[in-house]
C-alpha cells in the first residue's frame, strides 16, 4: 500500500470508526483499494496481538497471586494494590480481545455474503465452481478459527470472576487470614489460568495458520 492510499485509508477508518457504520466503512475502504479480505486478515492479526497481550496480563496476575500466597510479612496493602492493578489490566485486555473477535466475525460475514452474491455474476461455469469451492474451504477454515477464538474467550470470564473475588476479599480483609483464604483457592485459579493460557496459544496458532493460508491465495 503506498503512502497516499495508507493516509486515505487511515482518515476513512478514523471517520467511520466514530460513526460505527461497518457497511459504509467497508465500502469506503474498498474505494481506496482495501477489500474485505484484506481487512479480515488485518483484524485476525490484531486479535492475535490482543490475545498475546492478554496472555501477558493473566500471567502477571498469576505471578502476583503466587507472591501473595507465599506472603511472609511486609506491607499487605501494597500487594493488594498490585494485584488489583493486574486484575484491572487483565479485564481491559480481555474486553479488547472480545471486541477484536467481534470485529473479525463481522467482516468475515460481510466477506462471505459478498462472495456468495458475486458467484451469480460468473459466466464461466468452471471458474464459478472453483470460486465456490474456494469459498467453502475459506469458510471452513474461518469457522475453525472462530471456534478456537471463542473457546479461549469463554475461559476468560470465569478466571476474571475468580480474580475479582480474590481482589475484593483481600481488599476487605487485609490480614493473614485473608491470605490463608486466598491460598486455599489458589490451586484452582492457577489451573484455570494455565488452561486459559494454553487455549490462547492454540487460538494464536490457528490465527497464524489462517493468515498464512489467506496470504498464499
C-alpha atoms as a PDB file:
ATOM      1  CA  UNK A   1       0.000   0.000   0.000  1.00  0.00           C
ATOM      2  CA  UNK A   2       1.514   3.394  -0.963  1.00  0.00           C
ATOM      3  CA  UNK A   3       1.643   6.340   1.441  1.00  0.00           C
ATOM      4  CA  UNK A   4      -1.259   8.183  -0.172  1.00  0.00           C
ATOM      5  CA  UNK A   5      -3.507   5.138  -0.060  1.00  0.00           C
ATOM      6  CA  UNK A   6      -2.487   4.451   3.522  1.00  0.00           C
ATOM      7  CA  UNK A   7      -3.262   8.052   4.511  1.00  0.00           C
ATOM      8  CA  UNK A   8      -6.652   7.953   2.824  1.00  0.00           C
ATOM      9  CA  UNK A   9      -7.453   4.635   4.459  1.00  0.00           C
ATOM     10  CA  UNK A  10      -6.423   5.974   7.869  1.00  0.00           C
ATOM     11  CA  UNK A  11      -8.672   9.022   7.508  1.00  0.00           C
ATOM     12  CA  UNK A  12     -11.580   6.858   6.389  1.00  0.00           C
ATOM     13  CA  UNK A  13     -11.007   4.398   9.218  1.00  0.00           C
ATOM     14  CA  UNK A  14     -10.947   7.177  11.824  1.00  0.00           C
ATOM     15  CA  UNK A  15     -14.031   8.910  10.458  1.00  0.00           C
ATOM     16  CA  UNK A  16     -16.149   5.792  10.115  1.00  0.00           C
ATOM     17  CA  UNK A  17     -14.959   4.335  13.404  1.00  0.00           C
ATOM     18  CA  UNK A  18     -16.675   7.309  15.008  1.00  0.00           C
ATOM     19  CA  UNK A  19     -19.909   6.672  13.129  1.00  0.00           C
ATOM     20  CA  UNK A  20     -19.899   2.929  13.821  1.00  0.00           C
ATOM     21  CA  UNK A  21     -21.269   2.099  10.361  1.00  0.00           C
ATOM     22  CA  UNK A  22     -19.461  -1.025   9.225  1.00  0.00           C
ATOM     23  CA  UNK A  23     -21.173  -1.234   5.823  1.00  0.00           C
ATOM     24  CA  UNK A  24     -20.115   2.306   4.968  1.00  0.00           C
ATOM     25  CA  UNK A  25     -16.661   1.574   6.325  1.00  0.00           C
ATOM     26  CA  UNK A  26     -16.179  -1.455   4.076  1.00  0.00           C
ATOM     27  CA  UNK A  27     -17.405   0.466   1.038  1.00  0.00           C
ATOM     28  CA  UNK A  28     -15.138   3.403   1.754  1.00  0.00           C
ATOM     29  CA  UNK A  29     -12.119   1.188   2.294  1.00  0.00           C
ATOM     30  CA  UNK A  30     -12.824  -0.642  -0.948  1.00  0.00           C
ATOM     31  CA  UNK A  31     -12.849   2.708  -2.738  1.00  0.00           C
ATOM     32  CA  UNK A  32      -9.157   3.092  -1.874  1.00  0.00           C
ATOM     33  CA  UNK A  33      -8.296  -0.474  -2.816  1.00  0.00           C
ATOM     34  CA  UNK A  34      -8.600  -2.173   0.564  1.00  0.00           C
ATOM     35  CA  UNK A  35     -11.039  -5.069   0.306  1.00  0.00           C
ATOM     36  CA  UNK A  36     -12.872  -7.096   2.944  1.00  0.00           C
ATOM     37  CA  UNK A  37     -10.373  -9.919   2.543  1.00  0.00           C
ATOM     38  CA  UNK A  38      -7.536  -7.532   3.458  1.00  0.00           C
ATOM     39  CA  UNK A  39      -9.490  -6.198   6.418  1.00  0.00           C
ATOM     40  CA  UNK A  40     -10.212  -9.733   7.616  1.00  0.00           C
ATOM     41  CA  UNK A  41      -6.524 -10.661   7.593  1.00  0.00           C
ATOM     42  CA  UNK A  42      -5.642  -7.425   9.398  1.00  0.00           C
ATOM     43  CA  UNK A  43      -8.294  -7.999  12.043  1.00  0.00           C
ATOM     44  CA  UNK A  44      -7.225 -11.585  12.665  1.00  0.00           C
ATOM     45  CA  UNK A  45      -3.694 -10.260  13.152  1.00  0.00           C
ATOM     46  CA  UNK A  46      -4.953  -7.598  15.573  1.00  0.00           C
ATOM     47  CA  UNK A  47      -6.940 -10.198  17.511  1.00  0.00           C
ATOM     48  CA  UNK A  48      -3.890 -12.420  17.758  1.00  0.00           C
ATOM     49  CA  UNK A  49      -1.885  -9.490  19.140  1.00  0.00           C
ATOM     50  CA  UNK A  50      -4.677  -8.699  21.613  1.00  0.00           C
ATOM     51  CA  UNK A  51      -4.629 -12.316  22.792  1.00  0.00           C
ATOM     52  CA  UNK A  52      -0.862 -12.181  23.255  1.00  0.00           C
ATOM     53  CA  UNK A  53      -1.230  -9.038  25.361  1.00  0.00           C
ATOM     54  CA  UNK A  54      -3.991 -10.684  27.368  1.00  0.00           C
ATOM     55  CA  UNK A  55      -1.776 -13.701  27.981  1.00  0.00           C
ATOM     56  CA  UNK A  56       0.872 -11.412  29.448  1.00  0.00           C
ATOM     57  CA  UNK A  57      -1.666  -9.740  31.749  1.00  0.00           C
ATOM     58  CA  UNK A  58      -3.078 -13.030  33.031  1.00  0.00           C
ATOM     59  CA  UNK A  59       0.429 -14.387  33.509  1.00  0.00           C
ATOM     60  CA  UNK A  60       1.310 -11.285  35.522  1.00  0.00           C
ATOM     61  CA  UNK A  61      -1.789 -11.795  37.696  1.00  0.00           C
ATOM     62  CA  UNK A  62      -0.800 -15.425  38.273  1.00  0.00           C
ATOM     63  CA  UNK A  63       2.705 -14.398  39.326  1.00  0.00           C
ATOM     64  CA  UNK A  64       1.253 -11.771  41.677  1.00  0.00           C
ATOM     65  CA  UNK A  65      -1.035 -14.358  43.249  1.00  0.00           C
ATOM     66  CA  UNK A  66       1.937 -16.672  43.678  1.00  0.00           C
ATOM     67  CA  UNK A  67       3.716 -13.878  45.535  1.00  0.00           C
ATOM     68  CA  UNK A  68       0.618 -13.313  47.661  1.00  0.00           C
ATOM     69  CA  UNK A  69       0.140 -16.920  48.759  1.00  0.00           C
ATOM     70  CA  UNK A  70       3.823 -17.028  49.674  1.00  0.00           C
ATOM     71  CA  UNK A  71       3.484 -13.750  51.571  1.00  0.00           C
ATOM     72  CA  UNK A  72       5.772 -13.713  54.588  1.00  0.00           C
ATOM     73  CA  UNK A  73       5.451 -10.293  56.145  1.00  0.00           C
ATOM     74  CA  UNK A  74       5.600  -6.781  54.775  1.00  0.00           C
ATOM     75  CA  UNK A  75       3.006  -4.297  53.519  1.00  0.00           C
ATOM     76  CA  UNK A  76      -0.062  -6.321  52.530  1.00  0.00           C
ATOM     77  CA  UNK A  77      -1.857  -3.243  51.220  1.00  0.00           C
ATOM     78  CA  UNK A  78       0.844  -2.787  48.609  1.00  0.00           C
ATOM     79  CA  UNK A  79       0.434  -6.396  47.470  1.00  0.00           C
ATOM     80  CA  UNK A  80      -3.334  -5.844  47.208  1.00  0.00           C
ATOM     81  CA  UNK A  81      -2.876  -2.710  45.094  1.00  0.00           C
ATOM     82  CA  UNK A  82      -0.520  -4.543  42.738  1.00  0.00           C
ATOM     83  CA  UNK A  83      -2.921  -7.464  42.414  1.00  0.00           C
ATOM     84  CA  UNK A  84      -5.810  -5.073  41.773  1.00  0.00           C
ATOM     85  CA  UNK A  85      -3.787  -3.388  39.034  1.00  0.00           C
ATOM     86  CA  UNK A  86      -3.153  -6.812  37.475  1.00  0.00           C
ATOM     87  CA  UNK A  87      -6.868  -7.622  37.627  1.00  0.00           C
ATOM     88  CA  UNK A  88      -7.833  -4.309  36.015  1.00  0.00           C
ATOM     89  CA  UNK A  89      -5.251  -4.803  33.262  1.00  0.00           C
ATOM     90  CA  UNK A  90      -6.477  -8.371  32.684  1.00  0.00           C
ATOM     91  CA  UNK A  91     -10.085  -7.165  32.465  1.00  0.00           C
ATOM     92  CA  UNK A  92      -9.207  -4.436  29.981  1.00  0.00           C
ATOM     93  CA  UNK A  93      -7.169  -6.787  27.797  1.00  0.00           C
ATOM     94  CA  UNK A  94      -9.947  -9.410  27.890  1.00  0.00           C
ATOM     95  CA  UNK A  95     -12.500  -6.826  26.739  1.00  0.00           C
ATOM     96  CA  UNK A  96     -10.122  -5.847  23.955  1.00  0.00           C
ATOM     97  CA  UNK A  97      -9.893  -9.477  22.843  1.00  0.00           C
ATOM     98  CA  UNK A  98     -13.687  -9.784  22.740  1.00  0.00           C
ATOM     99  CA  UNK A  99     -14.054  -6.557  20.762  1.00  0.00           C
ATOM    100  CA  UNK A 100     -11.469  -7.748  18.245  1.00  0.00           C
ATOM    101  CA  UNK A 101     -13.122 -11.154  17.829  1.00  0.00           C
ATOM    102  CA  UNK A 102     -16.452  -9.437  17.200  1.00  0.00           C
ATOM    103  CA  UNK A 103     -14.834  -7.297  14.502  1.00  0.00           C
ATOM    104  CA  UNK A 104     -13.272 -10.368  12.901  1.00  0.00           C
ATOM    105  CA  UNK A 105     -16.630 -12.123  12.800  1.00  0.00           C
ATOM    106  CA  UNK A 106     -18.350  -9.045  11.377  1.00  0.00           C
ATOM    107  CA  UNK A 107     -16.004  -8.599   8.422  1.00  0.00           C
ATOM    108  CA  UNK A 108     -15.955 -12.350   7.722  1.00  0.00           C
ATOM    109  CA  UNK A 109     -19.741 -12.416   7.486  1.00  0.00           C
ATOM    110  CA  UNK A 110     -19.652  -9.424   5.132  1.00  0.00           C
ATOM    111  CA  UNK A 111     -16.938 -11.018   3.007  1.00  0.00           C
ATOM    112  CA  UNK A 112     -18.718 -14.360   2.685  1.00  0.00           C
ATOM    113  CA  UNK A 113     -22.057 -12.704   1.899  1.00  0.00           C
ATOM    114  CA  UNK A 114     -20.443 -10.636  -0.839  1.00  0.00           C
ATOM    115  CA  UNK A 115     -18.548 -13.631  -2.213  1.00  0.00           C
ATOM    116  CA  UNK A 116     -21.745 -15.714  -2.338  1.00  0.00           C
ATOM    117  CA  UNK A 117     -23.637 -12.975  -4.181  1.00  0.00           C
ATOM    118  CA  UNK A 118     -20.824 -12.497  -6.682  1.00  0.00           C
ATOM    119  CA  UNK A 119     -20.851 -16.169  -7.633  1.00  0.00           C
ATOM    120  CA  UNK A 120     -24.006 -15.405  -9.620  1.00  0.00           C
ATOM    121  CA  UNK A 121     -22.058 -12.933 -11.749  1.00  0.00           C
ATOM    122  CA  UNK A 122     -19.851 -15.629 -13.279  1.00  0.00           C
ATOM    123  CA  UNK A 123     -20.447 -16.596 -16.893  1.00  0.00           C
ATOM    124  CA  UNK A 124     -17.750 -19.258 -16.951  1.00  0.00           C
ATOM    125  CA  UNK A 125     -19.091 -22.363 -15.160  1.00  0.00           C
ATOM    126  CA  UNK A 126     -15.639 -23.772 -14.449  1.00  0.00           C
ATOM    127  CA  UNK A 127     -14.388 -20.575 -12.820  1.00  0.00           C
ATOM    128  CA  UNK A 128     -17.622 -20.353 -10.841  1.00  0.00           C
ATOM    129  CA  UNK A 129     -17.159 -23.894  -9.488  1.00  0.00           C
ATOM    130  CA  UNK A 130     -13.576 -23.144  -8.496  1.00  0.00           C
ATOM    131  CA  UNK A 131     -14.583 -19.939  -6.751  1.00  0.00           C
ATOM    132  CA  UNK A 132     -17.452 -21.677  -4.936  1.00  0.00           C
ATOM    133  CA  UNK A 133     -15.065 -24.415  -3.859  1.00  0.00           C
ATOM    134  CA  UNK A 134     -12.624 -21.817  -2.541  1.00  0.00           C
ATOM    135  CA  UNK A 135     -15.402 -20.038  -0.704  1.00  0.00           C
ATOM    136  CA  UNK A 136     -16.448 -23.263   1.023  1.00  0.00           C
ATOM    137  CA  UNK A 137     -12.877 -24.008   2.040  1.00  0.00           C
ATOM    138  CA  UNK A 138     -12.265 -20.478   3.332  1.00  0.00           C
ATOM    139  CA  UNK A 139     -15.487 -20.580   5.335  1.00  0.00           C
ATOM    140  CA  UNK A 140     -14.449 -23.930   6.807  1.00  0.00           C
ATOM    141  CA  UNK A 141     -11.047 -22.562   7.811  1.00  0.00           C
ATOM    142  CA  UNK A 142     -12.612 -19.461   9.300  1.00  0.00           C
ATOM    143  CA  UNK A 143     -15.181 -21.445  11.278  1.00  0.00           C
ATOM    144  CA  UNK A 144     -12.367 -23.446  12.823  1.00  0.00           C
ATOM    145  CA  UNK A 145     -10.503 -20.252  13.703  1.00  0.00           C
ATOM    146  CA  UNK A 146     -13.583 -18.577  15.175  1.00  0.00           C
ATOM    147  CA  UNK A 147     -14.397 -21.615  17.334  1.00  0.00           C
ATOM    148  CA  UNK A 148     -10.855 -21.514  18.688  1.00  0.00           C
ATOM    149  CA  UNK A 149     -11.086 -17.774  19.395  1.00  0.00           C
ATOM    150  CA  UNK A 150     -14.452 -18.093  21.112  1.00  0.00           C
ATOM    151  CA  UNK A 151     -13.261 -21.095  23.113  1.00  0.00           C
ATOM    152  CA  UNK A 152     -10.367 -19.183  24.639  1.00  0.00           C
ATOM    153  CA  UNK A 153     -12.599 -16.136  25.096  1.00  0.00           C
ATOM    154  CA  UNK A 154     -15.121 -18.192  27.088  1.00  0.00           C
ATOM    155  CA  UNK A 155     -12.409 -19.204  29.550  1.00  0.00           C
ATOM    156  CA  UNK A 156     -11.526 -15.612  30.380  1.00  0.00           C
ATOM    157  CA  UNK A 157     -14.757 -14.725  32.156  1.00  0.00           C
ATOM    158  CA  UNK A 158     -14.569 -17.342  34.957  1.00  0.00           C
ATOM    159  CA  UNK A 159     -10.888 -16.522  35.521  1.00  0.00           C
ATOM    160  CA  UNK A 160     -11.697 -12.811  35.731  1.00  0.00           C
ATOM    161  CA  UNK A 161     -14.579 -13.504  38.122  1.00  0.00           C
ATOM    162  CA  UNK A 162     -12.293 -15.541  40.380  1.00  0.00           C
ATOM    163  CA  UNK A 163      -9.593 -12.875  40.238  1.00  0.00           C
ATOM    164  CA  UNK A 164     -12.121 -10.214  41.161  1.00  0.00           C
ATOM    165  CA  UNK A 165     -13.369 -12.273  44.115  1.00  0.00           C
ATOM    166  CA  UNK A 166      -9.856 -12.674  45.427  1.00  0.00           C
ATOM    167  CA  UNK A 167      -9.025  -8.994  44.945  1.00  0.00           C
ATOM    168  CA  UNK A 168     -12.198  -7.907  46.731  1.00  0.00           C
ATOM    169  CA  UNK A 169     -11.689 -10.340  49.588  1.00  0.00           C
ATOM    170  CA  UNK A 170      -8.154  -9.145  50.087  1.00  0.00           C
ATOM    171  CA  UNK A 171      -9.300  -5.515  49.956  1.00  0.00           C
ATOM    172  CA  UNK A 172     -11.863  -6.095  52.706  1.00  0.00           C
ATOM    173  CA  UNK A 173      -9.581  -8.244  54.861  1.00  0.00           C
ATOM    174  CA  UNK A 174      -6.007  -7.016  54.750  1.00  0.00           C
ATOM    175  CA  UNK A 175      -4.688  -9.614  57.160  1.00  0.00           C
ATOM    176  CA  UNK A 176      -3.060 -13.030  57.363  1.00  0.00           C
ATOM    177  CA  UNK A 177      -6.456 -14.769  57.490  1.00  0.00           C
ATOM    178  CA  UNK A 178      -7.318 -13.273  54.102  1.00  0.00           C
ATOM    179  CA  UNK A 179      -4.083 -14.555  52.632  1.00  0.00           C
ATOM    180  CA  UNK A 180      -4.820 -18.004  54.047  1.00  0.00           C
ATOM    181  CA  UNK A 181      -8.307 -17.988  52.482  1.00  0.00           C
ATOM    182  CA  UNK A 182      -6.935 -16.969  49.091  1.00  0.00           C
ATOM    183  CA  UNK A 183      -4.242 -19.598  49.387  1.00  0.00           C
ATOM    184  CA  UNK A 184      -6.972 -22.222  49.668  1.00  0.00           C
ATOM    185  CA  UNK A 185      -8.455 -21.068  46.337  1.00  0.00           C
ATOM    186  CA  UNK A 186      -5.113 -20.592  44.602  1.00  0.00           C
ATOM    187  CA  UNK A 187      -4.618 -24.059  43.137  1.00  0.00           C
ATOM    188  CA  UNK A 188      -7.937 -23.970  41.255  1.00  0.00           C
ATOM    189  CA  UNK A 189      -7.339 -20.459  39.947  1.00  0.00           C
ATOM    190  CA  UNK A 190      -3.797 -21.324  38.914  1.00  0.00           C
ATOM    191  CA  UNK A 191      -5.115 -24.331  36.989  1.00  0.00           C
ATOM    192  CA  UNK A 192      -7.798 -22.230  35.277  1.00  0.00           C
ATOM    193  CA  UNK A 193      -5.286 -19.557  34.237  1.00  0.00           C
ATOM    194  CA  UNK A 194      -2.895 -22.156  32.875  1.00  0.00           C
ATOM    195  CA  UNK A 195      -5.713 -23.781  30.878  1.00  0.00           C
ATOM    196  CA  UNK A 196      -6.669 -20.351  29.562  1.00  0.00           C
ATOM    197  CA  UNK A 197      -3.088 -19.579  28.504  1.00  0.00           C
ATOM    198  CA  UNK A 198      -2.822 -22.940  26.736  1.00  0.00           C
ATOM    199  CA  UNK A 199      -6.128 -22.377  24.951  1.00  0.00           C
ATOM    200  CA  UNK A 200      -4.987 -18.929  23.871  1.00  0.00           C
ATOM    201  CA  UNK A 201      -1.814 -20.440  22.437  1.00  0.00           C
ATOM    202  CA  UNK A 202      -3.947 -22.775  20.330  1.00  0.00           C
ATOM    203  CA  UNK A 203      -6.041 -19.865  19.100  1.00  0.00           C
ATOM    204  CA  UNK A 204      -2.925 -17.833  18.276  1.00  0.00           C
ATOM    205  CA  UNK A 205      -1.549 -20.783  16.305  1.00  0.00           C
ATOM    206  CA  UNK A 206      -4.853 -21.059  14.433  1.00  0.00           C
ATOM    207  CA  UNK A 207      -4.660 -17.340  13.632  1.00  0.00           C
ATOM    208  CA  UNK A 208      -1.146 -17.676  12.267  1.00  0.00           C
ATOM    209  CA  UNK A 209      -2.238 -20.584  10.078  1.00  0.00           C
ATOM    210  CA  UNK A 210      -5.309 -18.734   8.808  1.00  0.00           C
ATOM    211  CA  UNK A 211      -3.263 -15.627   7.968  1.00  0.00           C
ATOM    212  CA  UNK A 212      -0.678 -17.752   6.145  1.00  0.00           C
ATOM    213  CA  UNK A 213      -3.389 -19.551   4.155  1.00  0.00           C
ATOM    214  CA  UNK A 214      -5.099 -16.286   3.186  1.00  0.00           C
ATOM    215  CA  UNK A 215      -1.810 -14.721   2.106  1.00  0.00           C
ATOM    216  CA  UNK A 216      -0.990 -17.736  -0.084  1.00  0.00           C
ATOM    217  CA  UNK A 217      -4.232 -17.445  -2.021  1.00  0.00           C
END
